[in-house]
Every structure is written in structure tokens, then in C-alpha cells.
Amino acid sequence: MACITPASQSPFFRLGKSKNHQVNQVLPLPISNFTEKKAARMVVISATAAVEKQRNSYPGEAKGFVEEMRFVAMKLHTRDQAKEGEKEPEGPPVAKWEPTVEGYLKFLVDSKLVFETLERIVQRAAFPEYAEFRNTGLERTESLGTDLEGFKMQGHVIPEPSSPGVSYAEYLENLSEKDPQAFICHFYNTYFAHSAGGRMIGRKVSQKTLNGKELEFYTWEGDLSQLLQNVRDRLNNVAQGWTREEKNHCLEETEKSFEFSGNILHLILS
């Protein structure tokens, strides 16, 4: 049996009193009012859907901001470096490199300058969020100092920092004073790249120049995977206070980070 809604309960009617009667009577509700309210609700629903669609358009966002950074960084790798890489290689793959000890020392010296700069900046903490990245266990300055001292004791001449390292250190210093989102992009990419691709390159270069000796630069105290996870958690926590525009600004700095680090890496072949 069909259900019949009483007129008094219909959205198209309202109850009222006539001037000459004491009883309630059903008065028609203007259809235009109902239509306008319905249209307004539809606009709100459509706007909400559009916002949700926009928010879901950032790869990795559901897993936290670090995953967004990882996604952008992987796209800047070449296809022989990572399955997600999209860039064409500019030179021979690492397996075909012909490194020299002299070039490797230049790379280590410039790397030390960059890590010293990053670690000094987070200790100074011009912005409060930098302090979150003190004493992470990923610090590399001390281990690089040990390695370079070992080379010196073997009779190698330790060079002064060269243009790629000096330029990057100066850029980081200036950036850290005015642009925390961009600086943290460099912090993330420098440490995480070294713990992954950097280790792979270090092993291959060591096999060709140091008889397979493992440097302190590529060893960490404690469980590296846990150290990295702790820093991911800190990065995600800091990024929660950023606007979407600030997050996008951070991601946009990734290419600049790769450019600087790539210049230092190429010193190995010099």
C-alpha cells in the first residue's frame, strides 16, 4: 500500500491560522523558497566534493608528507636508478664508472662541508621546527672526519672544499634563514638519499678504488631503518602545521636539491 504523507508534514506546505477562524489550516509554502534551499545544498555538496578531489590529487598524501617527498624525489631519478625514475641518464651507469681516489676524496670533502652545514643549522635553529632534527643518529660529519683522517694517515693529500660543495653550503645557509619549508626539503633529500642510493654508490666506488674497504661514512650506530623511521615521523609531525601551499613549496625545491647533490657526486669522476 502506498504511504501518503499528511499535507501538514509536506515540505511544500506550512500550518497557519486565518483571520476569521481559530483552527489551523494548511497554507502553501512558496515553491521558490524550497528550490533555492535545495540548490544551495547542492552547491555546498559540489564544493565539498571538489575540495576532496583536489586533496586526493597529491600522490602519497594519505601516508603522510614524507611519502609525498619520496614520490617527487623518485621521479627525478633515472630509470637505471629506480623503477619509478623518469629522467634520462646524463652519463654512464654507476656500474661503468671509473672513479679515482683523488676524485673520491674531493667528493668526501665536499660532502663533509654540506653535512657540517646542515647539522650546524639544525643546532642553531633559526626556526623552531629545525630543533626537531637534532641528534637523529643520521649525522655524518664525525664519520666523514674519521674517514678523511684515515686517508691522510695513508699519505693522501686532503683537498680543500671545491666549488660544488661551497656553493651548496652557502645556499643552505641563506635558505635556512628565510625559507624553512625549502630548507627541510634539502635536509630530507640529503640524508635519505645518502642512506639509500648513496650507500650503493659508496660500495661500488670502494670496490674499484679501496679494495672493498667500507668507510665510516656508510655505517651508522643502531638500526638504520629505525633511525630513518624516527626522522620520517618527525618530518610528518612538522609538516602537519604547514598549509597546502607551504607543502607544495617544499616539494618544488626537490629539483634544486638534486641539482646541487648531483654536482657533488660527479666529483667522484673528476
C-alpha atoms as a PDB file:
ATOM      1  CA  MET A   1       0.000   0.000   0.000  1.00  0.00           C
ATOM      2  CA  ALA A   2       1.357   3.446  -0.869  1.00  0.00           C
ATOM      3  CA  CYS A   3       2.276   5.694   2.044  1.00  0.00           C
ATOM      4  CA  ILE A   4       0.534   9.049   1.917  1.00  0.00           C
ATOM      5  CA  THR A   5       2.311  11.898   3.709  1.00  0.00           C
ATOM      6  CA  PRO A   6      -0.066  14.276   5.517  1.00  0.00           C
ATOM      7  CA  ALA A   7      -0.159  17.645   3.901  1.00  0.00           C
ATOM      8  CA  SER A   8       0.905  19.270   7.187  1.00  0.00           C
ATOM      9  CA  GLN A   9       4.187  17.325   7.007  1.00  0.00           C
ATOM     10  CA  SER A  10       4.945  18.043   3.361  1.00  0.00           C
ATOM     11  CA  PRO A  11       7.860  20.411   2.644  1.00  0.00           C
ATOM     12  CA  PHE A  12       5.604  22.321   0.272  1.00  0.00           C
ATOM     13  CA  PHE A  13       3.117  23.377   2.995  1.00  0.00           C
ATOM     14  CA  ARG A  14       3.084  25.084   6.397  1.00  0.00           C
ATOM     15  CA  LEU A  15       0.416  25.445   9.111  1.00  0.00           C
ATOM     16  CA  GLY A  16      -1.185  28.769   9.823  1.00  0.00           C
ATOM     17  CA  LYS A  17      -4.327  30.493  11.138  1.00  0.00           C
ATOM     18  CA  SER A  18      -6.832  32.501   9.164  1.00  0.00           C
ATOM     19  CA  LYS A  19      -8.093  35.819  10.456  1.00  0.00           C
ATOM     20  CA  ASN A  20     -11.660  34.558  10.880  1.00  0.00           C
ATOM     21  CA  HIS A  21     -11.062  31.077  12.255  1.00  0.00           C
ATOM     22  CA  GLN A  22      -9.344  29.720  15.328  1.00  0.00           C
ATOM     23  CA  VAL A  23      -8.392  26.418  13.743  1.00  0.00           C
ATOM     24  CA  ASN A  24      -5.143  25.719  11.968  1.00  0.00           C
ATOM     25  CA  GLN A  25      -5.235  25.480   8.213  1.00  0.00           C
ATOM     26  CA  VAL A  26      -2.712  24.336   5.677  1.00  0.00           C
ATOM     27  CA  LEU A  27      -1.111  27.177   3.743  1.00  0.00           C
ATOM     28  CA  PRO A  28       1.100  26.589   0.705  1.00  0.00           C
ATOM     29  CA  LEU A  29       4.845  27.219   1.127  1.00  0.00           C
ATOM     30  CA  PRO A  30       6.278  29.126  -1.856  1.00  0.00           C
ATOM     31  CA  ILE A  31       7.971  26.632  -4.122  1.00  0.00           C
ATOM     32  CA  SER A  32      10.723  29.142  -4.888  1.00  0.00           C
ATOM     33  CA  ASN A  33      11.960  29.040  -1.246  1.00  0.00           C
ATOM     34  CA  PHE A  34      12.238  25.263  -1.278  1.00  0.00           C
ATOM     35  CA  THR A  35      14.005  25.255  -4.643  1.00  0.00           C
ATOM     36  CA  GLU A  36      16.526  27.868  -3.517  1.00  0.00           C
ATOM     37  CA  LYS A  37      17.367  25.921  -0.347  1.00  0.00           C
ATOM     38  CA  LYS A  38      17.788  22.714  -2.303  1.00  0.00           C
ATOM     39  CA  ALA A  39      20.028  24.467  -4.819  1.00  0.00           C
ATOM     40  CA  ALA A  40      22.135  25.925  -2.002  1.00  0.00           C
ATOM     41  CA  ARG A  41      22.641  22.483  -0.501  1.00  0.00           C
ATOM     42  CA  MET A  42      23.700  21.133  -3.882  1.00  0.00           C
ATOM     43  CA  VAL A  43      26.282  23.926  -4.234  1.00  0.00           C
ATOM     44  CA  VAL A  44      27.761  23.045  -0.825  1.00  0.00           C
ATOM     45  CA  ILE A  45      27.898  19.347  -1.712  1.00  0.00           C
ATOM     46  CA  SER A  46      29.557  20.083  -5.059  1.00  0.00           C
ATOM     47  CA  ALA A  47      32.135  22.391  -3.456  1.00  0.00           C
ATOM     48  CA  THR A  48      32.966  19.798  -0.821  1.00  0.00           C
ATOM     49  CA  ALA A  49      33.412  17.134  -3.471  1.00  0.00           C
ATOM     50  CA  ALA A  50      35.700  19.427  -5.445  1.00  0.00           C
ATOM     51  CA  VAL A  51      37.855  20.082  -2.388  1.00  0.00           C
ATOM     52  CA  GLU A  52      38.116  16.361  -1.652  1.00  0.00           C
ATOM     53  CA  LYS A  53      39.060  15.654  -5.258  1.00  0.00           C
ATOM     54  CA  GLN A  54      41.762  18.305  -5.102  1.00  0.00           C
ATOM     55  CA  ARG A  55      43.101  16.995  -1.802  1.00  0.00           C
ATOM     56  CA  ASN A  56      43.326  13.461  -3.163  1.00  0.00           C
ATOM     57  CA  SER A  57      45.392  14.620  -6.133  1.00  0.00           C
ATOM     58  CA  TYR A  58      48.722  14.558  -4.252  1.00  0.00           C
ATOM     59  CA  PRO A  59      50.451  11.177  -4.607  1.00  0.00           C
ATOM     60  CA  GLY A  60      51.368   9.710  -1.244  1.00  0.00           C
ATOM     61  CA  GLU A  61      49.378  12.242   0.787  1.00  0.00           C
ATOM     62  CA  ALA A  62      47.355   9.588   2.590  1.00  0.00           C
ATOM     63  CA  LYS A  63      50.553   8.097   4.048  1.00  0.00           C
ATOM     64  CA  GLY A  64      51.990  11.398   5.277  1.00  0.00           C
ATOM     65  CA  PHE A  65      54.014  14.227   3.795  1.00  0.00           C
ATOM     66  CA  VAL A  66      57.276  12.270   3.729  1.00  0.00           C
ATOM     67  CA  GLU A  67      55.677   9.908   1.239  1.00  0.00           C
ATOM     68  CA  GLU A  68      54.855  12.911  -0.937  1.00  0.00           C
ATOM     69  CA  MET A  69      58.505  13.977  -0.783  1.00  0.00           C
ATOM     70  CA  ARG A  70      59.668  10.454  -1.593  1.00  0.00           C
ATOM     71  CA  PHE A  71      57.345  10.264  -4.603  1.00  0.00           C
ATOM     72  CA  VAL A  72      58.634  13.532  -6.069  1.00  0.00           C
ATOM     73  CA  ALA A  73      62.269  12.556  -5.410  1.00  0.00           C
ATOM     74  CA  MET A  74      61.895   9.159  -7.068  1.00  0.00           C
ATOM     75  CA  LYS A  75      60.527  10.786 -10.222  1.00  0.00           C
ATOM     76  CA  LEU A  76      63.789  12.713 -10.510  1.00  0.00           C
ATOM     77  CA  HIS A  77      65.847   9.518 -10.558  1.00  0.00           C
ATOM     78  CA  THR A  78      66.877   7.962 -13.837  1.00  0.00           C
ATOM     79  CA  ARG A  79      65.349   4.655 -14.906  1.00  0.00           C
ATOM     80  CA  ASP A  80      68.528   2.757 -14.094  1.00  0.00           C
ATOM     81  CA  GLN A  81      68.497   4.176 -10.548  1.00  0.00           C
ATOM     82  CA  ALA A  82      64.876   3.423  -9.613  1.00  0.00           C
ATOM     83  CA  LYS A  83      61.857   1.777 -11.202  1.00  0.00           C
ATOM     84  CA  GLU A  84      59.872   4.982 -10.583  1.00  0.00           C
ATOM     85  CA  GLY A  85      62.542   7.141 -12.238  1.00  0.00           C
ATOM     86  CA  GLU A  86      61.595   9.261 -15.227  1.00  0.00           C
ATOM     87  CA  LYS A  87      64.755  11.203 -16.126  1.00  0.00           C
ATOM     88  CA  GLU A  88      67.085  10.166 -18.892  1.00  0.00           C
ATOM     89  CA  PRO A  89      70.627   9.320 -17.689  1.00  0.00           C
ATOM     90  CA  GLU A  90      73.214  12.004 -18.474  1.00  0.00           C
ATOM     91  CA  GLY A  91      76.209   9.689 -18.264  1.00  0.00           C
ATOM     92  CA  PRO A  92      77.231   6.058 -17.848  1.00  0.00           C
ATOM     93  CA  PRO A  93      75.558   3.996 -15.102  1.00  0.00           C
ATOM     94  CA  VAL A  94      77.412   3.665 -11.802  1.00  0.00           C
ATOM     95  CA  ALA A  95      78.497   0.117 -12.674  1.00  0.00           C
ATOM     96  CA  LYS A  96      80.574   1.508 -15.554  1.00  0.00           C
ATOM     97  CA  TRP A  97      82.174   4.375 -13.630  1.00  0.00           C
ATOM     98  CA  GLU A  98      85.953   4.616 -13.495  1.00  0.00           C
ATOM     99  CA  PRO A  99      86.488   6.553 -10.241  1.00  0.00           C
ATOM    100  CA  THR A 100      89.825   7.639  -8.796  1.00  0.00           C
ATOM    101  CA  VAL A 101      90.922   8.030  -5.199  1.00  0.00           C
ATOM    102  CA  GLU A 102      91.597  11.718  -5.868  1.00  0.00           C
ATOM    103  CA  GLY A 103      88.082  12.269  -7.175  1.00  0.00           C
ATOM    104  CA  TYR A 104      86.593  10.288  -4.310  1.00  0.00           C
ATOM    105  CA  LEU A 105      88.453  12.469  -1.801  1.00  0.00           C
ATOM    106  CA  LYS A 106      87.008  15.601  -3.443  1.00  0.00           C
ATOM    107  CA  PHE A 107      83.533  14.087  -3.091  1.00  0.00           C
ATOM    108  CA  LEU A 108      84.082  13.203   0.573  1.00  0.00           C
ATOM    109  CA  VAL A 109      85.478  16.650   1.429  1.00  0.00           C
ATOM    110  CA  ASP A 110      82.568  18.490  -0.210  1.00  0.00           C
ATOM    111  CA  SER A 111      80.059  16.075   1.341  1.00  0.00           C
ATOM    112  CA  LYS A 112      81.535  16.777   4.768  1.00  0.00           C
ATOM    113  CA  LEU A 113      81.087  20.527   4.249  1.00  0.00           C
ATOM    114  CA  VAL A 114      77.414  20.038   3.330  1.00  0.00           C
ATOM    115  CA  PHE A 115      76.667  17.762   6.289  1.00  0.00           C
ATOM    116  CA  GLU A 116      78.514  20.132   8.651  1.00  0.00           C
ATOM    117  CA  THR A 117      76.334  22.960   7.353  1.00  0.00           C
ATOM    118  CA  LEU A 118      73.073  21.026   7.773  1.00  0.00           C
ATOM    119  CA  GLU A 119      73.964  19.933  11.292  1.00  0.00           C
ATOM    120  CA  ARG A 120      75.059  23.424  12.325  1.00  0.00           C
ATOM    121  CA  ILE A 121      71.797  24.887  11.020  1.00  0.00           C
ATOM    122  CA  VAL A 122      69.571  22.499  12.990  1.00  0.00           C
ATOM    123  CA  GLN A 123      71.612  23.113  16.126  1.00  0.00           C
ATOM    124  CA  ARG A 124      71.250  26.875  15.714  1.00  0.00           C
ATOM    125  CA  ALA A 125      67.536  26.513  14.848  1.00  0.00           C
ATOM    126  CA  ALA A 126      66.626  29.848  13.286  1.00  0.00           C
ATOM    127  CA  PHE A 127      63.130  28.329  13.062  1.00  0.00           C
ATOM    128  CA  PRO A 128      61.779  26.214  15.946  1.00  0.00           C
ATOM    129  CA  GLU A 129      60.995  23.212  13.733  1.00  0.00           C
ATOM    130  CA  TYR A 130      64.688  22.770  12.921  1.00  0.00           C
ATOM    131  CA  ALA A 131      65.301  21.683  16.504  1.00  0.00           C
ATOM    132  CA  GLU A 132      63.220  18.565  15.813  1.00  0.00           C
ATOM    133  CA  PHE A 133      66.098  17.262  13.688  1.00  0.00           C
ATOM    134  CA  ARG A 134      68.888  17.431  16.231  1.00  0.00           C
ATOM    135  CA  ASN A 135      70.624  14.227  17.262  1.00  0.00           C
ATOM    136  CA  THR A 136      68.761  11.967  14.847  1.00  0.00           C
ATOM    137  CA  GLY A 137      71.547   9.414  14.587  1.00  0.00           C
ATOM    138  CA  LEU A 138      71.871  10.147  10.870  1.00  0.00           C
ATOM    139  CA  GLU A 139      74.576  12.800  11.359  1.00  0.00           C
ATOM    140  CA  ARG A 140      77.605  12.258   9.102  1.00  0.00           C
ATOM    141  CA  THR A 141      80.149  14.965   9.998  1.00  0.00           C
ATOM    142  CA  GLU A 142      82.049  12.943  12.577  1.00  0.00           C
ATOM    143  CA  SER A 143      82.218   9.795  10.465  1.00  0.00           C
ATOM    144  CA  LEU A 144      83.469  11.737   7.442  1.00  0.00           C
ATOM    145  CA  GLY A 145      86.126  13.366   9.627  1.00  0.00           C
ATOM    146  CA  THR A 146      87.302   9.915  10.687  1.00  0.00           C
ATOM    147  CA  ASP A 147      87.476   8.708   7.085  1.00  0.00           C
ATOM    148  CA  LEU A 148      89.428  11.723   5.871  1.00  0.00           C
ATOM    149  CA  GLU A 149      91.867  11.413   8.745  1.00  0.00           C
ATOM    150  CA  GLY A 150      92.427   7.793   7.744  1.00  0.00           C
ATOM    151  CA  PHE A 151      93.250   8.815   4.176  1.00  0.00           C
ATOM    152  CA  LYS A 152      95.652  11.452   5.485  1.00  0.00           C
ATOM    153  CA  MET A 153      97.486   8.895   7.609  1.00  0.00           C
ATOM    154  CA  GLN A 154      97.910   6.761   4.486  1.00  0.00           C
ATOM    155  CA  GLY A 155      99.745   9.637   2.793  1.00  0.00           C
ATOM    156  CA  HIS A 156      96.912  11.082   0.718  1.00  0.00           C
ATOM    157  CA  VAL A 157      96.624  14.853   0.362  1.00  0.00           C
ATOM    158  CA  ILE A 158      93.227  16.041   1.560  1.00  0.00           C
ATOM    159  CA  PRO A 159      91.957  18.790  -0.758  1.00  0.00           C
ATOM    160  CA  GLU A 160      90.098  21.935   0.223  1.00  0.00           C
ATOM    161  CA  PRO A 161      86.340  22.054  -0.445  1.00  0.00           C
ATOM    162  CA  SER A 162      85.630  22.780  -4.102  1.00  0.00           C
ATOM    163  CA  SER A 163      83.015  24.907  -5.842  1.00  0.00           C
ATOM    164  CA  PRO A 164      80.108  22.390  -5.778  1.00  0.00           C
ATOM    165  CA  GLY A 165      80.319  21.898  -2.011  1.00  0.00           C
ATOM    166  CA  VAL A 166      80.979  25.563  -1.201  1.00  0.00           C
ATOM    167  CA  SER A 167      78.074  26.701  -3.382  1.00  0.00           C
ATOM    168  CA  TYR A 168      75.685  24.229  -1.796  1.00  0.00           C
ATOM    169  CA  ALA A 169      76.734  25.125   1.755  1.00  0.00           C
ATOM    170  CA  GLU A 170      76.232  28.840   1.068  1.00  0.00           C
ATOM    171  CA  TYR A 171      72.849  28.180  -0.493  1.00  0.00           C
ATOM    172  CA  LEU A 172      71.722  26.149   2.536  1.00  0.00           C
ATOM    173  CA  GLU A 173      72.860  28.846   4.970  1.00  0.00           C
ATOM    174  CA  ASN A 174      70.929  31.562   3.144  1.00  0.00           C
ATOM    175  CA  LEU A 175      67.861  29.392   2.603  1.00  0.00           C
ATOM    176  CA  SER A 176      67.647  28.301   6.229  1.00  0.00           C
ATOM    177  CA  GLU A 177      67.288  31.876   7.451  1.00  0.00           C
ATOM    178  CA  LYS A 178      64.216  32.686   5.385  1.00  0.00           C
ATOM    179  CA  ASP A 179      62.554  29.569   3.981  1.00  0.00           C
ATOM    180  CA  PRO A 180      62.075  26.636   6.406  1.00  0.00           C
ATOM    181  CA  GLN A 181      59.962  24.526   4.038  1.00  0.00           C
ATOM    182  CA  ALA A 182      62.581  24.659   1.280  1.00  0.00           C
ATOM    183  CA  PHE A 183      65.413  24.011   3.731  1.00  0.00           C
ATOM    184  CA  ILE A 184      63.697  20.925   5.154  1.00  0.00           C
ATOM    185  CA  CYS A 185      63.349  19.598   1.605  1.00  0.00           C
ATOM    186  CA  HIS A 186      67.154  19.696   1.300  1.00  0.00           C
ATOM    187  CA  PHE A 187      67.566  18.148   4.740  1.00  0.00           C
ATOM    188  CA  TYR A 188      65.310  15.230   3.828  1.00  0.00           C
ATOM    189  CA  ASN A 189      66.820  14.575   0.415  1.00  0.00           C
ATOM    190  CA  THR A 190      70.440  14.791   1.592  1.00  0.00           C
ATOM    191  CA  TYR A 191      70.130  12.324   4.463  1.00  0.00           C
ATOM    192  CA  PHE A 192      67.689   9.900   2.897  1.00  0.00           C
ATOM    193  CA  ALA A 193      69.488   9.791  -0.460  1.00  0.00           C
ATOM    194  CA  HIS A 194      72.767   9.018   1.278  1.00  0.00           C
ATOM    195  CA  SER A 195      71.189   6.168   3.259  1.00  0.00           C
ATOM    196  CA  ALA A 196      69.864   4.553   0.062  1.00  0.00           C
ATOM    197  CA  GLY A 197      71.474   5.287  -3.300  1.00  0.00           C
ATOM    198  CA  GLY A 198      74.495   6.826  -1.583  1.00  0.00           C
ATOM    199  CA  ARG A 199      75.362   3.536   0.094  1.00  0.00           C
ATOM    200  CA  MET A 200      75.076   1.660  -3.188  1.00  0.00           C
ATOM    201  CA  ILE A 201      77.395   4.116  -4.928  1.00  0.00           C
ATOM    202  CA  GLY A 202      79.802   4.008  -1.984  1.00  0.00           C
ATOM    203  CA  ARG A 203      80.113   0.222  -2.188  1.00  0.00           C
ATOM    204  CA  LYS A 204      80.799   0.255  -5.930  1.00  0.00           C
ATOM    205  CA  VAL A 205      83.369   3.068  -5.698  1.00  0.00           C
ATOM    206  CA  SER A 206      85.059   1.335  -2.776  1.00  0.00           C
ATOM    207  CA  GLN A 207      85.375  -1.890  -4.755  1.00  0.00           C
ATOM    208  CA  LYS A 208      87.174  -0.041  -7.550  1.00  0.00           C
ATOM    209  CA  THR A 209      89.389   2.289  -5.516  1.00  0.00           C
ATOM    210  CA  LEU A 210      89.766   0.951  -1.942  1.00  0.00           C
ATOM    211  CA  ASN A 211      89.797  -2.821  -2.383  1.00  0.00           C
ATOM    212  CA  GLY A 212      86.266  -3.007  -0.987  1.00  0.00           C
ATOM    213  CA  LYS A 213      87.021  -1.204   2.297  1.00  0.00           C
ATOM    214  CA  GLU A 214      83.865   0.188   3.918  1.00  0.00           C
ATOM    215  CA  LEU A 215      84.123   3.773   5.111  1.00  0.00           C
ATOM    216  CA  GLU A 216      82.606   5.147   8.304  1.00  0.00           C
ATOM    217  CA  PHE A 217      80.546   7.426   6.061  1.00  0.00           C
ATOM    218  CA  TYR A 218      78.388   4.404   5.234  1.00  0.00           C
ATOM    219  CA  THR A 219      77.934   2.975   8.725  1.00  0.00           C
ATOM    220  CA  TRP A 220      75.523   4.053  11.445  1.00  0.00           C
ATOM    221  CA  GLU A 221      75.194   3.265  15.123  1.00  0.00           C
ATOM    222  CA  GLY A 222      71.976   1.376  15.747  1.00  0.00           C
ATOM    223  CA  ASP A 223      69.314   0.145  13.355  1.00  0.00           C
ATOM    224  CA  LEU A 224      69.377   2.413  10.294  1.00  0.00           C
ATOM    225  CA  SER A 225      65.806   1.555   9.287  1.00  0.00           C
ATOM    226  CA  GLN A 226      64.577   2.640  12.721  1.00  0.00           C
ATOM    227  CA  LEU A 227      66.644   5.840  12.646  1.00  0.00           C
ATOM    228  CA  LEU A 228      65.104   6.701   9.292  1.00  0.00           C
ATOM    229  CA  GLN A 229      61.598   5.945  10.551  1.00  0.00           C
ATOM    230  CA  ASN A 230      62.128   8.225  13.552  1.00  0.00           C
ATOM    231  CA  VAL A 231      63.076  11.076  11.220  1.00  0.00           C
ATOM    232  CA  ARG A 232      60.091  10.336   8.964  1.00  0.00           C
ATOM    233  CA  ASP A 233      57.831  10.667  11.989  1.00  0.00           C
ATOM    234  CA  ARG A 234      59.421  13.996  12.927  1.00  0.00           C
ATOM    235  CA  LEU A 235      59.107  15.295   9.374  1.00  0.00           C
ATOM    236  CA  ASN A 236      55.460  14.286   9.155  1.00  0.00           C
ATOM    237  CA  ASN A 237      54.762  15.908  12.502  1.00  0.00           C
ATOM    238  CA  VAL A 238      56.378  19.201  11.447  1.00  0.00           C
ATOM    239  CA  ALA A 239      54.559  19.211   8.098  1.00  0.00           C
ATOM    240  CA  GLN A 240      51.183  18.861   9.811  1.00  0.00           C
ATOM    241  CA  GLY A 241      51.474  22.530  10.736  1.00  0.00           C
ATOM    242  CA  TRP A 242      52.022  23.619   7.131  1.00  0.00           C
ATOM    243  CA  THR A 243      49.422  24.826   4.667  1.00  0.00           C
ATOM    244  CA  ARG A 244      48.971  23.003   1.378  1.00  0.00           C
ATOM    245  CA  GLU A 245      50.784  25.874  -0.332  1.00  0.00           C
ATOM    246  CA  GLU A 246      53.771  25.507   2.010  1.00  0.00           C
ATOM    247  CA  LYS A 247      53.889  21.753   1.376  1.00  0.00           C
ATOM    248  CA  ASN A 248      53.856  22.324  -2.368  1.00  0.00           C
ATOM    249  CA  HIS A 249      56.647  24.886  -1.998  1.00  0.00           C
ATOM    250  CA  CYS A 250      58.713  22.282  -0.166  1.00  0.00           C
ATOM    251  CA  LEU A 251      58.136  19.728  -2.917  1.00  0.00           C
ATOM    252  CA  GLU A 252      59.093  22.239  -5.606  1.00  0.00           C
ATOM    253  CA  GLU A 253      62.558  22.595  -4.052  1.00  0.00           C
ATOM    254  CA  THR A 254      63.364  18.920  -4.712  1.00  0.00           C
ATOM    255  CA  GLU A 255      64.823  19.523  -8.152  1.00  0.00           C
ATOM    256  CA  LYS A 256      67.184  22.162  -6.770  1.00  0.00           C
ATOM    257  CA  SER A 257      68.332  19.692  -4.131  1.00  0.00           C
ATOM    258  CA  PHE A 258      69.091  17.080  -6.797  1.00  0.00           C
ATOM    259  CA  GLU A 259      70.993  19.629  -8.863  1.00  0.00           C
ATOM    260  CA  PHE A 260      73.341  20.536  -6.004  1.00  0.00           C
ATOM    261  CA  SER A 261      73.895  16.979  -4.805  1.00  0.00           C
ATOM    262  CA  GLY A 262      74.452  15.785  -8.380  1.00  0.00           C
ATOM    263  CA  ASN A 263      77.248  18.317  -8.847  1.00  0.00           C
ATOM    264  CA  ILE A 264      78.991  16.995  -5.747  1.00  0.00           C
ATOM    265  CA  LEU A 265      78.508  13.366  -6.761  1.00  0.00           C
ATOM    266  CA  HIS A 266      80.155  13.975 -10.125  1.00  0.00           C
ATOM    267  CA  LEU A 267      83.352  14.940  -8.328  1.00  0.00           C
ATOM    268  CA  ILE A 268      83.997  11.205  -7.907  1.00  0.00           C
ATOM    269  CA  LEU A 269      84.811  11.055 -11.622  1.00  0.00           C
ATOM    270  CA  SER A 270      86.999  14.167 -11.660  1.00  0.00           C
END
